[in-house]
Amino acid sequence: MTARKLPPRFWETKSLAEMTHEEWEALCDGCGRCCMVKLRDEATGEVHHTAVVCRFLDHDSCRCTRYPERHEVEPNCVHVYADNVLSLGFMPSSCAYRRVAEGRGLAWWHPLVSGDPDTVHAAGISVAGKVLSEDGVHPDDLEHHVVTWVGSDGEPAPAEDR
């Protein structure tokens, strides 16, 4: 099966709900941040990302090794849909789905903008080289792996932080 050519800059003319399956899949920037284990503070409801990721995430490509059956093999895998992306409070502000839903467009490093699938890694947006597999971390130790990354909104970090 040959992939169909996507319309140019389709994310600027279509809502998430109007996108074809191919467009929806192409919109994923491949950062792997949605695969990070998250902790919710029971008292405040605040969500904290950890440097621990799902055991099925390939740490180099930041792609799921079990993508077609991800929800069956990992019941906690996030379901991202056009109608829930904005209510998922833990989606990073750099997420292409969130950016498009908020009307912000795609960042310069997004592969659909740059033409290069490695730009998300070169820009430091992806989790590549920054995470551990959940297989190597005891659930009681997750709080020791909470992270906040500079420039996590997908925009360049302030000069004093670089």
Protein backbone atom coordinates (compact mmCIF):
# COMPACT_ATOMS: atom_id res chain seq x y z
CA MET A 1 0.00 0.00 0.00
CA THR A 2 1.39 3.38 -1.00
CA ALA A 3 0.90 6.37 1.27
CA ARG A 4 -1.20 9.12 -0.25
CA LYS A 5 0.29 12.57 -0.57
CA LEU A 6 -1.04 14.85 2.12
CA PRO A 7 -2.50 18.25 1.24
CA PRO A 8 0.02 21.03 1.87
CA ARG A 9 -0.33 22.66 5.28
CA PHE A 10 -3.61 20.82 5.93
CA TRP A 11 -3.39 21.67 9.66
CA GLU A 12 -4.00 25.33 8.78
CA THR A 13 -7.22 24.69 6.88
CA LYS A 14 -8.79 21.79 8.79
CA SER A 15 -9.88 21.30 12.36
CA LEU A 16 -8.66 18.18 14.12
CA ALA A 17 -12.11 16.63 13.65
CA GLU A 18 -11.98 17.23 9.88
CA MET A 19 -8.65 15.48 9.37
CA THR A 20 -8.36 12.14 7.63
CA HIS A 21 -6.73 9.27 9.48
CA GLU A 22 -3.51 9.84 7.50
CA GLU A 23 -3.48 13.55 8.34
CA TRP A 24 -4.15 12.84 12.02
CA GLU A 25 -1.27 10.36 12.19
CA ALA A 26 1.08 12.73 10.32
CA LEU A 27 0.27 15.48 12.80
CA CYS A 28 2.00 13.59 15.62
CA ASP A 29 5.41 15.25 16.02
CA GLY A 30 7.05 12.10 17.42
CA CYS A 31 8.21 13.67 20.66
CA GLY A 32 7.13 10.77 22.90
CA ARG A 33 6.02 13.09 25.71
CA CYS A 34 2.53 11.59 25.84
CA CYS A 35 4.22 8.29 26.74
CA MET A 36 5.81 9.74 29.88
CA VAL A 37 4.49 8.36 33.17
CA LYS A 38 2.59 11.11 34.93
CA LEU A 39 1.80 11.57 38.61
CA ARG A 40 -1.24 13.49 39.79
CA ASP A 41 -1.07 15.32 43.12
CA GLU A 42 -4.21 14.10 44.89
CA ALA A 43 -4.52 17.32 46.91
CA THR A 44 -4.11 19.84 44.08
CA GLY A 45 -4.88 17.81 40.95
CA GLU A 46 -1.61 19.06 39.46
CA VAL A 47 0.05 16.67 37.00
CA HIS A 48 3.78 16.05 37.14
CA HIS A 49 5.67 14.38 34.30
CA THR A 50 8.40 11.91 35.11
CA ALA A 51 11.46 10.88 33.12
CA VAL A 52 9.95 7.40 33.04
CA VAL A 53 8.20 6.22 29.88
CA CYS A 54 6.03 3.33 28.82
CA ARG A 55 7.95 0.11 28.26
CA PHE A 56 6.78 0.08 24.62
CA LEU A 57 8.36 3.42 23.67
CA ASP A 58 11.48 3.17 21.51
CA HIS A 59 13.84 5.61 23.23
CA ASP A 60 15.66 6.54 20.03
CA SER A 61 12.80 7.05 17.57
CA CYS A 62 10.26 8.09 20.26
CA ARG A 63 7.69 5.89 18.56
CA CYS A 64 5.58 3.13 20.09
CA THR A 65 6.82 -0.35 19.28
CA ARG A 66 3.27 -1.71 19.70
CA TYR A 67 1.34 1.17 18.17
CA PRO A 68 -1.47 -0.75 16.40
CA GLU A 69 -2.42 -2.63 19.58
CA ARG A 70 -1.18 -0.09 22.14
CA HIS A 71 -4.47 0.27 23.97
CA GLU A 72 -4.86 -3.48 24.33
CA VAL A 73 -1.32 -4.15 25.61
CA GLU A 74 -1.19 -1.01 27.79
CA PRO A 75 -4.55 -0.12 29.34
CA ASN A 76 -3.17 3.23 30.60
CA CYS A 77 -2.15 4.36 27.12
CA VAL A 78 -3.57 7.81 26.41
CA HIS A 79 -6.48 8.02 23.98
CA VAL A 80 -6.06 11.30 22.10
CA TYR A 81 -9.03 12.42 20.03
CA ALA A 82 -10.08 15.69 18.44
CA ASP A 83 -12.75 16.15 21.09
CA ASN A 84 -10.58 15.44 24.13
CA VAL A 85 -7.14 16.86 23.38
CA LEU A 86 -7.83 20.15 25.17
CA SER A 87 -9.28 18.42 28.22
CA LEU A 88 -6.17 16.28 28.65
CA GLY A 89 -4.45 18.66 31.03
CA PHE A 90 -1.19 16.75 30.89
CA MET A 91 -0.55 17.14 27.17
CA PRO A 92 2.51 19.35 26.78
CA SER A 93 1.97 22.74 25.22
CA SER A 94 4.42 21.64 22.52
CA CYS A 95 2.07 18.83 21.37
CA ALA A 96 1.01 19.33 17.76
CA TYR A 97 -2.54 18.19 18.49
CA ARG A 98 -2.85 20.68 21.31
CA ARG A 99 -1.20 23.49 19.32
CA VAL A 100 -3.60 23.01 16.39
CA ALA A 101 -6.63 22.73 18.69
CA GLU A 102 -5.60 26.00 20.34
CA GLY A 103 -5.12 27.72 16.98
CA ARG A 104 -1.34 28.14 17.44
CA GLY A 105 -0.21 26.18 14.39
CA LEU A 106 2.87 24.00 14.30
CA ALA A 107 6.29 24.87 15.69
CA TRP A 108 9.29 25.35 13.39
CA TRP A 109 10.75 22.00 14.48
CA HIS A 110 7.66 19.96 13.60
CA PRO A 111 8.47 17.47 10.81
CA LEU A 112 5.57 18.73 8.67
CA VAL A 113 7.07 22.23 8.80
CA SER A 114 10.78 21.40 8.69
CA GLY A 115 10.47 18.47 6.29
CA ASP A 116 12.78 16.46 8.54
CA PRO A 117 11.53 13.89 11.09
CA ASP A 118 14.70 14.41 13.15
CA THR A 119 14.11 18.13 13.81
CA VAL A 120 11.96 17.33 16.86
CA HIS A 121 14.97 15.53 18.35
CA ALA A 122 17.55 18.13 17.29
CA ALA A 123 15.42 20.88 18.86
CA GLY A 124 15.41 18.99 22.17
CA ILE A 125 11.64 18.61 22.22
CA SER A 126 11.55 14.82 22.13
CA VAL A 127 12.26 12.50 25.05
CA ALA A 128 15.11 10.84 23.14
CA GLY A 129 18.09 10.34 25.42
CA LYS A 130 16.28 11.80 28.44
CA VAL A 131 14.14 8.96 29.78
CA LEU A 132 14.09 5.55 31.45
CA SER A 133 11.78 2.63 30.77
CA GLU A 134 9.12 1.89 33.36
CA ASP A 135 10.49 -1.65 33.46
CA GLY A 136 13.54 -0.35 35.34
CA VAL A 137 11.75 1.84 37.90
CA HIS A 138 9.71 0.65 40.87
CA PRO A 139 6.33 2.42 41.04
CA ASP A 140 7.12 3.65 44.56
CA ASP A 141 10.17 5.48 43.17
CA LEU A 142 8.39 7.44 40.43
CA GLU A 143 8.27 10.63 42.50
CA HIS A 144 12.10 10.69 42.40
CA HIS A 145 11.95 11.01 38.61
CA VAL A 146 9.71 14.08 38.25
CA VAL A 147 11.07 16.43 35.56
CA THR A 148 10.50 19.90 34.17
CA TRP A 149 12.26 20.59 30.92
CA VAL A 150 13.30 24.08 29.89
CA GLY A 151 11.60 25.10 26.67
CA SER A 152 8.96 22.41 27.16
CA ASP A 153 6.36 24.57 25.44
CA GLY A 154 8.08 23.87 22.16
CA GLU A 155 9.42 27.36 21.75
CA PRO A 156 13.09 28.25 22.07
CA ALA A 157 14.25 28.48 25.67
CA PRO A 158 15.07 31.97 26.95
CA ALA A 159 18.70 32.90 26.30
CA GLU A 160 19.58 32.76 30.02
CA ASP A 161 18.38 29.12 30.12
CA ARG A 162 20.40 27.90 27.14
